[in-house]
Every structure is written in structure tokens, then in C-alpha cells.
Amino acid sequence: MDWSKIVVDVLTFHRGKLIGATLGLVFGLFTILFGFWKAFFLAICIFVGYFLGRRIDENKDFKALIKKIWSDS
């Protein structure tokens, strides 16, 4: 059995399932260790960090994002 082919196939064809299952496992463990609300807060912080990091990678302007979020209209 060629393990490298199995790993490549799983990462290629089942990436979303793998990521979803891993996130579910991590959130479940954090919920057990810290409680629901602390785990939820941590998940929000991770999402915000990911979002900001993605914007940095894409060279997007933060001023435009802040104006879009805090605009009156």
C-alpha cells in the first residue's frame, strides 16, 4: 500500500471534508477544555486573524475595508 498516494488522493479529492472534520475536532476539544463561550470566542479570533491575513496576502487596502464597515450608509 502506497501511503503517499493515499495522502495525495485525500488532500486532492477530499480537502473540504478533511478541513471541516479537523476544525470540528479542534472546536470540540476546545469546548471540552475551555467551555463553549471561550471556545466560540477563540474561533471568532481565529476567523478574524485568518480574514486579516488573507487581506494582507492579497495586498488589499485596510482603509477601504474600515470605511466600508464603519460607513453610515
PDB file of N, CA and C in Angstrom:
ATOM      1  N   MET A   1       0.857  -1.180   0.000  1.00  0.00           N
ATOM      2  CA  MET A   1       0.000   0.000   0.000  1.00  0.00           C
ATOM      3  C   MET A   1       0.899   1.238   0.000  1.00  0.00           C
ATOM      4  N   ASP A   2       0.646   2.123  -0.930  1.00  0.00           N
ATOM      5  CA  ASP A   2       1.451   3.328  -1.086  1.00  0.00           C
ATOM      6  C   ASP A   2       0.781   4.480  -0.319  1.00  0.00           C
ATOM      7  N   TRP A   3       1.311   4.796   0.861  1.00  0.00           N
ATOM      8  CA  TRP A   3       0.703   5.811   1.733  1.00  0.00           C
ATOM      9  C   TRP A   3       0.766   7.203   1.123  1.00  0.00           C
ATOM     10  N   SER A   4       1.825   7.497   0.386  1.00  0.00           N
ATOM     11  CA  SER A   4       1.931   8.838  -0.200  1.00  0.00           C
ATOM     12  C   SER A   4       0.833   9.072  -1.237  1.00  0.00           C
ATOM     13  N   LYS A   5       0.468   8.032  -2.004  1.00  0.00           N
ATOM     14  CA  LYS A   5      -0.617   8.161  -2.968  1.00  0.00           C
ATOM     15  C   LYS A   5      -1.950   8.354  -2.251  1.00  0.00           C
ATOM     16  N   ILE A   6      -2.152   7.649  -1.156  1.00  0.00           N
ATOM     17  CA  ILE A   6      -3.391   7.793  -0.383  1.00  0.00           C
ATOM     18  C   ILE A   6      -3.505   9.208   0.173  1.00  0.00           C
ATOM     19  N   VAL A   7      -2.421   9.733   0.730  1.00  0.00           N
ATOM     20  CA  VAL A   7      -2.430  11.090   1.288  1.00  0.00           C
ATOM     21  C   VAL A   7      -2.697  12.110   0.196  1.00  0.00           C
ATOM     22  N   VAL A   8      -2.055  11.961  -0.956  1.00  0.00           N
ATOM     23  CA  VAL A   8      -2.270  12.893  -2.064  1.00  0.00           C
ATOM     24  C   VAL A   8      -3.716  12.822  -2.540  1.00  0.00           C
ATOM     25  N   ASP A   9      -4.274  11.622  -2.655  1.00  0.00           N
ATOM     26  CA  ASP A   9      -5.668  11.472  -3.076  1.00  0.00           C
ATOM     27  C   ASP A   9      -6.624  12.117  -2.083  1.00  0.00           C
ATOM     28  N   VAL A  10      -6.391  11.898  -0.796  1.00  0.00           N
ATOM     29  CA  VAL A  10      -7.260  12.501   0.225  1.00  0.00           C
ATOM     30  C   VAL A  10      -7.169  14.019   0.170  1.00  0.00           C
ATOM     31  N   LEU A  11      -5.966  14.563   0.065  1.00  0.00           N
ATOM     32  CA  LEU A  11      -5.801  16.019   0.007  1.00  0.00           C
ATOM     33  C   LEU A  11      -6.352  16.610  -1.282  1.00  0.00           C
ATOM     34  N   THR A  12      -6.355  15.843  -2.353  1.00  0.00           N
ATOM     35  CA  THR A  12      -6.843  16.337  -3.637  1.00  0.00           C
ATOM     36  C   THR A  12      -8.362  16.267  -3.739  1.00  0.00           C
ATOM     37  N   PHE A  13      -8.927  15.124  -3.398  1.00  0.00           N
ATOM     38  CA  PHE A  13     -10.347  14.885  -3.646  1.00  0.00           C
ATOM     39  C   PHE A  13     -11.246  15.127  -2.437  1.00  0.00           C
ATOM     40  N   HIS A  14     -10.685  15.186  -1.244  1.00  0.00           N
ATOM     41  CA  HIS A  14     -11.500  15.311  -0.031  1.00  0.00           C
ATOM     42  C   HIS A  14     -10.986  16.417   0.880  1.00  0.00           C
ATOM     43  N   ARG A  15     -10.439  17.463   0.297  1.00  0.00           N
ATOM     44  CA  ARG A  15      -9.839  18.545   1.086  1.00  0.00           C
ATOM     45  C   ARG A  15     -10.861  19.222   1.990  1.00  0.00           C
ATOM     46  N   GLY A  16     -12.032  19.558   1.464  1.00  0.00           N
ATOM     47  CA  GLY A  16     -13.060  20.234   2.253  1.00  0.00           C
ATOM     48  C   GLY A  16     -13.535  19.394   3.419  1.00  0.00           C
ATOM     49  N   LYS A  17     -13.723  18.099   3.178  1.00  0.00           N
ATOM     50  CA  LYS A  17     -14.155  17.205   4.255  1.00  0.00           C
ATOM     51  C   LYS A  17     -13.083  17.104   5.336  1.00  0.00           C
ATOM     52  N   LEU A  18     -11.841  17.015   4.904  1.00  0.00           N
ATOM     53  CA  LEU A  18     -10.735  16.915   5.857  1.00  0.00           C
ATOM     54  C   LEU A  18     -10.613  18.182   6.697  1.00  0.00           C
ATOM     55  N   ILE A  19     -10.705  19.328   6.053  1.00  0.00           N
ATOM     56  CA  ILE A  19     -10.614  20.595   6.782  1.00  0.00           C
ATOM     57  C   ILE A  19     -11.797  20.736   7.740  1.00  0.00           C
ATOM     58  N   GLY A  20     -12.998  20.414   7.265  1.00  0.00           N
ATOM     59  CA  GLY A  20     -14.182  20.511   8.120  1.00  0.00           C
ATOM     60  C   GLY A  20     -14.111  19.583   9.327  1.00  0.00           C
ATOM     61  N   ALA A  21     -13.672  18.355   9.099  1.00  0.00           N
ATOM     62  CA  ALA A  21     -13.553  17.407  10.205  1.00  0.00           C
ATOM     63  C   ALA A  21     -12.487  17.853  11.205  1.00  0.00           C
ATOM     64  N   THR A  22     -11.383  18.382  10.700  1.00  0.00           N
ATOM     65  CA  THR A  22     -10.316  18.857  11.587  1.00  0.00           C
ATOM     66  C   THR A  22     -10.779  20.054  12.406  1.00  0.00           C
ATOM     67  N   LEU A  23     -11.467  21.000  11.760  1.00  0.00           N
ATOM     68  CA  LEU A  23     -11.983  22.157  12.501  1.00  0.00           C
ATOM     69  C   LEU A  23     -13.012  21.725  13.546  1.00  0.00           C
ATOM     70  N   GLY A  24     -13.873  20.780  13.192  1.00  0.00           N
ATOM     71  CA  GLY A  24     -14.842  20.266  14.152  1.00  0.00           C
ATOM     72  C   GLY A  24     -14.179  19.597  15.338  1.00  0.00           C
ATOM     73  N   LEU A  25     -13.143  18.815  15.075  1.00  0.00           N
ATOM     74  CA  LEU A  25     -12.405  18.162  16.156  1.00  0.00           C
ATOM     75  C   LEU A  25     -11.741  19.182  17.066  1.00  0.00           C
ATOM     76  N   VAL A  26     -11.081  20.164  16.475  1.00  0.00           N
ATOM     77  CA  VAL A  26     -10.391  21.188  17.270  1.00  0.00           C
ATOM     78  C   VAL A  26     -11.396  21.982  18.097  1.00  0.00           C
ATOM     79  N   PHE A  27     -12.526  22.386  17.480  1.00  0.00           N
ATOM     80  CA  PHE A  27     -13.524  23.146  18.225  1.00  0.00           C
ATOM     81  C   PHE A  27     -14.115  22.298  19.355  1.00  0.00           C
ATOM     82  N   GLY A  28     -14.352  21.024  19.091  1.00  0.00           N
ATOM     83  CA  GLY A  28     -14.854  20.132  20.143  1.00  0.00           C
ATOM     84  C   GLY A  28     -13.882  20.008  21.301  1.00  0.00           C
ATOM     85  N   LEU A  29     -12.606  19.861  21.000  1.00  0.00           N
ATOM     86  CA  LEU A  29     -11.602  19.765  22.069  1.00  0.00           C
ATOM     87  C   LEU A  29     -11.512  21.065  22.859  1.00  0.00           C
ATOM     88  N   PHE A  30     -11.547  22.199  22.152  1.00  0.00           N
ATOM     89  CA  PHE A  30     -11.516  23.484  22.849  1.00  0.00           C
ATOM     90  C   PHE A  30     -12.759  23.668  23.715  1.00  0.00           C
ATOM     91  N   THR A  31     -13.899  23.201  23.249  1.00  0.00           N
ATOM     92  CA  THR A  31     -15.125  23.298  24.035  1.00  0.00           C
ATOM     93  C   THR A  31     -15.012  22.464  25.305  1.00  0.00           C
ATOM     94  N   ILE A  32     -14.455  21.286  25.192  1.00  0.00           N
ATOM     95  CA  ILE A  32     -14.273  20.428  26.370  1.00  0.00           C
ATOM     96  C   ILE A  32     -13.275  21.060  27.342  1.00  0.00           C
ATOM     97  N   LEU A  33     -12.180  21.606  26.807  1.00  0.00           N
ATOM     98  CA  LEU A  33     -11.129  22.152  27.664  1.00  0.00           C
ATOM     99  C   LEU A  33     -11.502  23.494  28.292  1.00  0.00           C
ATOM    100  N   PHE A  34     -12.119  24.394  27.502  1.00  0.00           N
ATOM    101  CA  PHE A  34     -12.326  25.767  27.953  1.00  0.00           C
ATOM    102  C   PHE A  34     -13.785  26.143  28.181  1.00  0.00           C
ATOM    103  N   GLY A  35     -14.710  25.366  27.690  1.00  0.00           N
ATOM    104  CA  GLY A  35     -16.122  25.730  27.747  1.00  0.00           C
ATOM    105  C   GLY A  35     -16.554  26.326  26.420  1.00  0.00           C
ATOM    106  N   PHE A  36     -17.877  26.342  26.187  1.00  0.00           N
ATOM    107  CA  PHE A  36     -18.392  26.747  24.882  1.00  0.00           C
ATOM    108  C   PHE A  36     -18.053  28.187  24.543  1.00  0.00           C
ATOM    109  N   TRP A  37     -18.319  29.120  25.450  1.00  0.00           N
ATOM    110  CA  TRP A  37     -18.160  30.539  25.104  1.00  0.00           C
ATOM    111  C   TRP A  37     -16.706  30.923  24.901  1.00  0.00           C
ATOM    112  N   LYS A  38     -15.792  30.358  25.659  1.00  0.00           N
ATOM    113  CA  LYS A  38     -14.370  30.642  25.442  1.00  0.00           C
ATOM    114  C   LYS A  38     -13.907  30.038  24.118  1.00  0.00           C
ATOM    115  N   ALA A  39     -14.389  28.845  23.792  1.00  0.00           N
ATOM    116  CA  ALA A  39     -14.035  28.218  22.519  1.00  0.00           C
ATOM    117  C   ALA A  39     -14.635  29.010  21.363  1.00  0.00           C
ATOM    118  N   PHE A  40     -15.852  29.501  21.528  1.00  0.00           N
ATOM    119  CA  PHE A  40     -16.503  30.303  20.496  1.00  0.00           C
ATOM    120  C   PHE A  40     -15.734  31.603  20.269  1.00  0.00           C
ATOM    121  N   PHE A  41     -15.327  32.263  21.358  1.00  0.00           N
ATOM    122  CA  PHE A  41     -14.537  33.483  21.245  1.00  0.00           C
ATOM    123  C   PHE A  41     -13.212  33.208  20.536  1.00  0.00           C
ATOM    124  N   LEU A  42     -12.581  32.096  20.874  1.00  0.00           N
ATOM    125  CA  LEU A  42     -11.328  31.724  20.226  1.00  0.00           C
ATOM    126  C   LEU A  42     -11.544  31.475  18.735  1.00  0.00           C
ATOM    127  N   ALA A  43     -12.645  30.833  18.375  1.00  0.00           N
ATOM    128  CA  ALA A  43     -12.950  30.587  16.965  1.00  0.00           C
ATOM    129  C   ALA A  43     -13.155  31.907  16.219  1.00  0.00           C
ATOM    130  N   ILE A  44     -13.827  32.861  16.849  1.00  0.00           N
ATOM    131  CA  ILE A  44     -14.020  34.172  16.219  1.00  0.00           C
ATOM    132  C   ILE A  44     -12.679  34.869  16.028  1.00  0.00           C
ATOM    133  N   CYS A  45     -11.816  34.810  17.026  1.00  0.00           N
ATOM    134  CA  CYS A  45     -10.486  35.423  16.912  1.00  0.00           C
ATOM    135  C   CYS A  45      -9.674  34.776  15.790  1.00  0.00           C
ATOM    136  N   ILE A  46      -9.759  33.465  15.658  1.00  0.00           N
ATOM    137  CA  ILE A  46      -9.044  32.767  14.594  1.00  0.00           C
ATOM    138  C   ILE A  46      -9.593  33.197  13.238  1.00  0.00           C
ATOM    139  N   PHE A  47     -10.919  33.300  13.104  1.00  0.00           N
ATOM    140  CA  PHE A  47     -11.526  33.714  11.844  1.00  0.00           C
ATOM    141  C   PHE A  47     -11.099  35.130  11.472  1.00  0.00           C
ATOM    142  N   VAL A  48     -11.111  36.042  12.438  1.00  0.00           N
ATOM    143  CA  VAL A  48     -10.706  37.428  12.163  1.00  0.00           C
ATOM    144  C   VAL A  48      -9.230  37.471  11.765  1.00  0.00           C
ATOM    145  N   GLY A  49      -8.400  36.715  12.457  1.00  0.00           N
ATOM    146  CA  GLY A  49      -6.983  36.654  12.102  1.00  0.00           C
ATOM    147  C   GLY A  49      -6.760  36.097  10.712  1.00  0.00           C
ATOM    148  N   TYR A  50      -7.514  35.062  10.358  1.00  0.00           N
ATOM    149  CA  TYR A  50      -7.422  34.492   9.011  1.00  0.00           C
ATOM    150  C   TYR A  50      -7.863  35.510   7.967  1.00  0.00           C
ATOM    151  N   PHE A  51      -8.979  36.196   8.231  1.00  0.00           N
ATOM    152  CA  PHE A  51      -9.506  37.180   7.304  1.00  0.00           C
ATOM    153  C   PHE A  51      -8.502  38.309   7.074  1.00  0.00           C
ATOM    154  N   LEU A  52      -7.927  38.824   8.152  1.00  0.00           N
ATOM    155  CA  LEU A  52      -6.939  39.902   8.021  1.00  0.00           C
ATOM    156  C   LEU A  52      -5.675  39.413   7.321  1.00  0.00           C
ATOM    157  N   GLY A  53      -5.232  38.206   7.634  1.00  0.00           N
ATOM    158  CA  GLY A  53      -4.054  37.647   6.973  1.00  0.00           C
ATOM    159  C   GLY A  53      -4.279  37.440   5.492  1.00  0.00           C
ATOM    160  N   ARG A  54      -5.483  37.010   5.123  1.00  0.00           N
ATOM    161  CA  ARG A  54      -5.806  36.840   3.711  1.00  0.00           C
ATOM    162  C   ARG A  54      -5.795  38.178   2.990  1.00  0.00           C
ATOM    163  N   ARG A  55      -6.311  39.216   3.656  1.00  0.00           N
ATOM    164  CA  ARG A  55      -6.298  40.562   3.046  1.00  0.00           C
ATOM    165  C   ARG A  55      -4.863  41.045   2.852  1.00  0.00           C
ATOM    166  N   ILE A  56      -3.988  40.755   3.797  1.00  0.00           N
ATOM    167  CA  ILE A  56      -2.579  41.136   3.656  1.00  0.00           C
ATOM    168  C   ILE A  56      -1.953  40.385   2.482  1.00  0.00           C
ATOM    169  N   ASP A  57      -2.233  39.079   2.376  1.00  0.00           N
ATOM    170  CA  ASP A  57      -1.682  38.287   1.275  1.00  0.00           C
ATOM    171  C   ASP A  57      -2.156  38.787  -0.086  1.00  0.00           C
ATOM    172  N   GLU A  58      -3.387  39.291  -0.141  1.00  0.00           N
ATOM    173  CA  GLU A  58      -3.938  39.779  -1.400  1.00  0.00           C
ATOM    174  C   GLU A  58      -3.604  41.251  -1.654  1.00  0.00           C
ATOM    175  N   ASN A  59      -2.837  41.865  -0.750  1.00  0.00           N
ATOM    176  CA  ASN A  59      -2.446  43.277  -0.857  1.00  0.00           C
ATOM    177  C   ASN A  59      -3.656  44.198  -0.950  1.00  0.00           C
ATOM    178  N   LYS A  60      -4.676  43.935  -0.167  1.00  0.00           N
ATOM    179  CA  LYS A  60      -5.881  44.775  -0.144  1.00  0.00           C
ATOM    180  C   LYS A  60      -5.657  45.940   0.817  1.00  0.00           C
ATOM    181  N   ASP A  61      -6.388  47.014   0.606  1.00  0.00           N
ATOM    182  CA  ASP A  61      -6.264  48.230   1.404  1.00  0.00           C
ATOM    183  C   ASP A  61      -7.144  48.136   2.650  1.00  0.00           C
ATOM    184  N   PHE A  62      -6.545  48.305   3.828  1.00  0.00           N
ATOM    185  CA  PHE A  62      -7.299  48.236   5.075  1.00  0.00           C
ATOM    186  C   PHE A  62      -8.168  49.465   5.288  1.00  0.00           C
ATOM    187  N   LYS A  63      -7.732  50.611   4.800  1.00  0.00           N
ATOM    188  CA  LYS A  63      -8.536  51.826   4.964  1.00  0.00           C
ATOM    189  C   LYS A  63      -9.872  51.689   4.251  1.00  0.00           C
ATOM    190  N   ALA A  64      -9.865  51.105   3.071  1.00  0.00           N
ATOM    191  CA  ALA A  64     -11.113  50.897   2.326  1.00  0.00           C
ATOM    192  C   ALA A  64     -12.019  49.923   3.072  1.00  0.00           C
ATOM    193  N   LEU A  65     -11.441  48.885   3.672  1.00  0.00           N
ATOM    194  CA  LEU A  65     -12.230  47.926   4.437  1.00  0.00           C
ATOM    195  C   LEU A  65     -12.857  48.585   5.658  1.00  0.00           C
ATOM    196  N   ILE A  66     -12.096  49.386   6.376  1.00  0.00           N
ATOM    197  CA  ILE A  66     -12.621  50.048   7.572  1.00  0.00           C
ATOM    198  C   ILE A  66     -13.707  51.045   7.193  1.00  0.00           C
ATOM    199  N   LYS A  67     -13.493  51.784   6.109  1.00  0.00           N
ATOM    200  CA  LYS A  67     -14.530  52.714   5.655  1.00  0.00           C
ATOM    201  C   LYS A  67     -15.795  51.965   5.259  1.00  0.00           C
ATOM    202  N   LYS A  68     -15.653  50.833   4.629  1.00  0.00           N
ATOM    203  CA  LYS A  68     -16.802  50.028   4.217  1.00  0.00           C
ATOM    204  C   LYS A  68     -17.570  49.518   5.438  1.00  0.00           C
ATOM    205  N   ILE A  69     -16.862  49.071   6.462  1.00  0.00           N
ATOM    206  CA  ILE A  69     -17.517  48.539   7.665  1.00  0.00           C
ATOM    207  C   ILE A  69     -18.166  49.649   8.479  1.00  0.00           C
ATOM    208  N   TRP A  70     -17.497  50.773   8.665  1.00  0.00           N
ATOM    209  CA  TRP A  70     -17.965  51.830   9.559  1.00  0.00           C
ATOM    210  C   TRP A  70     -18.681  52.970   8.861  1.00  0.00           C
ATOM    211  N   SER A  71     -19.005  52.812   7.580  1.00  0.00           N
ATOM    212  CA  SER A  71     -19.682  53.915   6.886  1.00  0.00           C
ATOM    213  C   SER A  71     -21.119  54.030   7.370  1.00  0.00           C
ATOM    214  N   ASP A  72     -21.672  55.232   7.283  1.00  0.00           N
ATOM    215  CA  ASP A  72     -23.036  55.499   7.753  1.00  0.00           C
ATOM    216  C   ASP A  72     -24.093  54.977   6.788  1.00  0.00           C
ATOM    217  N   SER A  73     -23.775  54.852   5.541  1.00  0.00           N
ATOM    218  CA  SER A  73     -24.796  54.448   4.567  1.00  0.00           C
ATOM    219  C   SER A  73     -24.866  52.955   4.387  1.00  0.00           C
TER     220      SER A  73
END
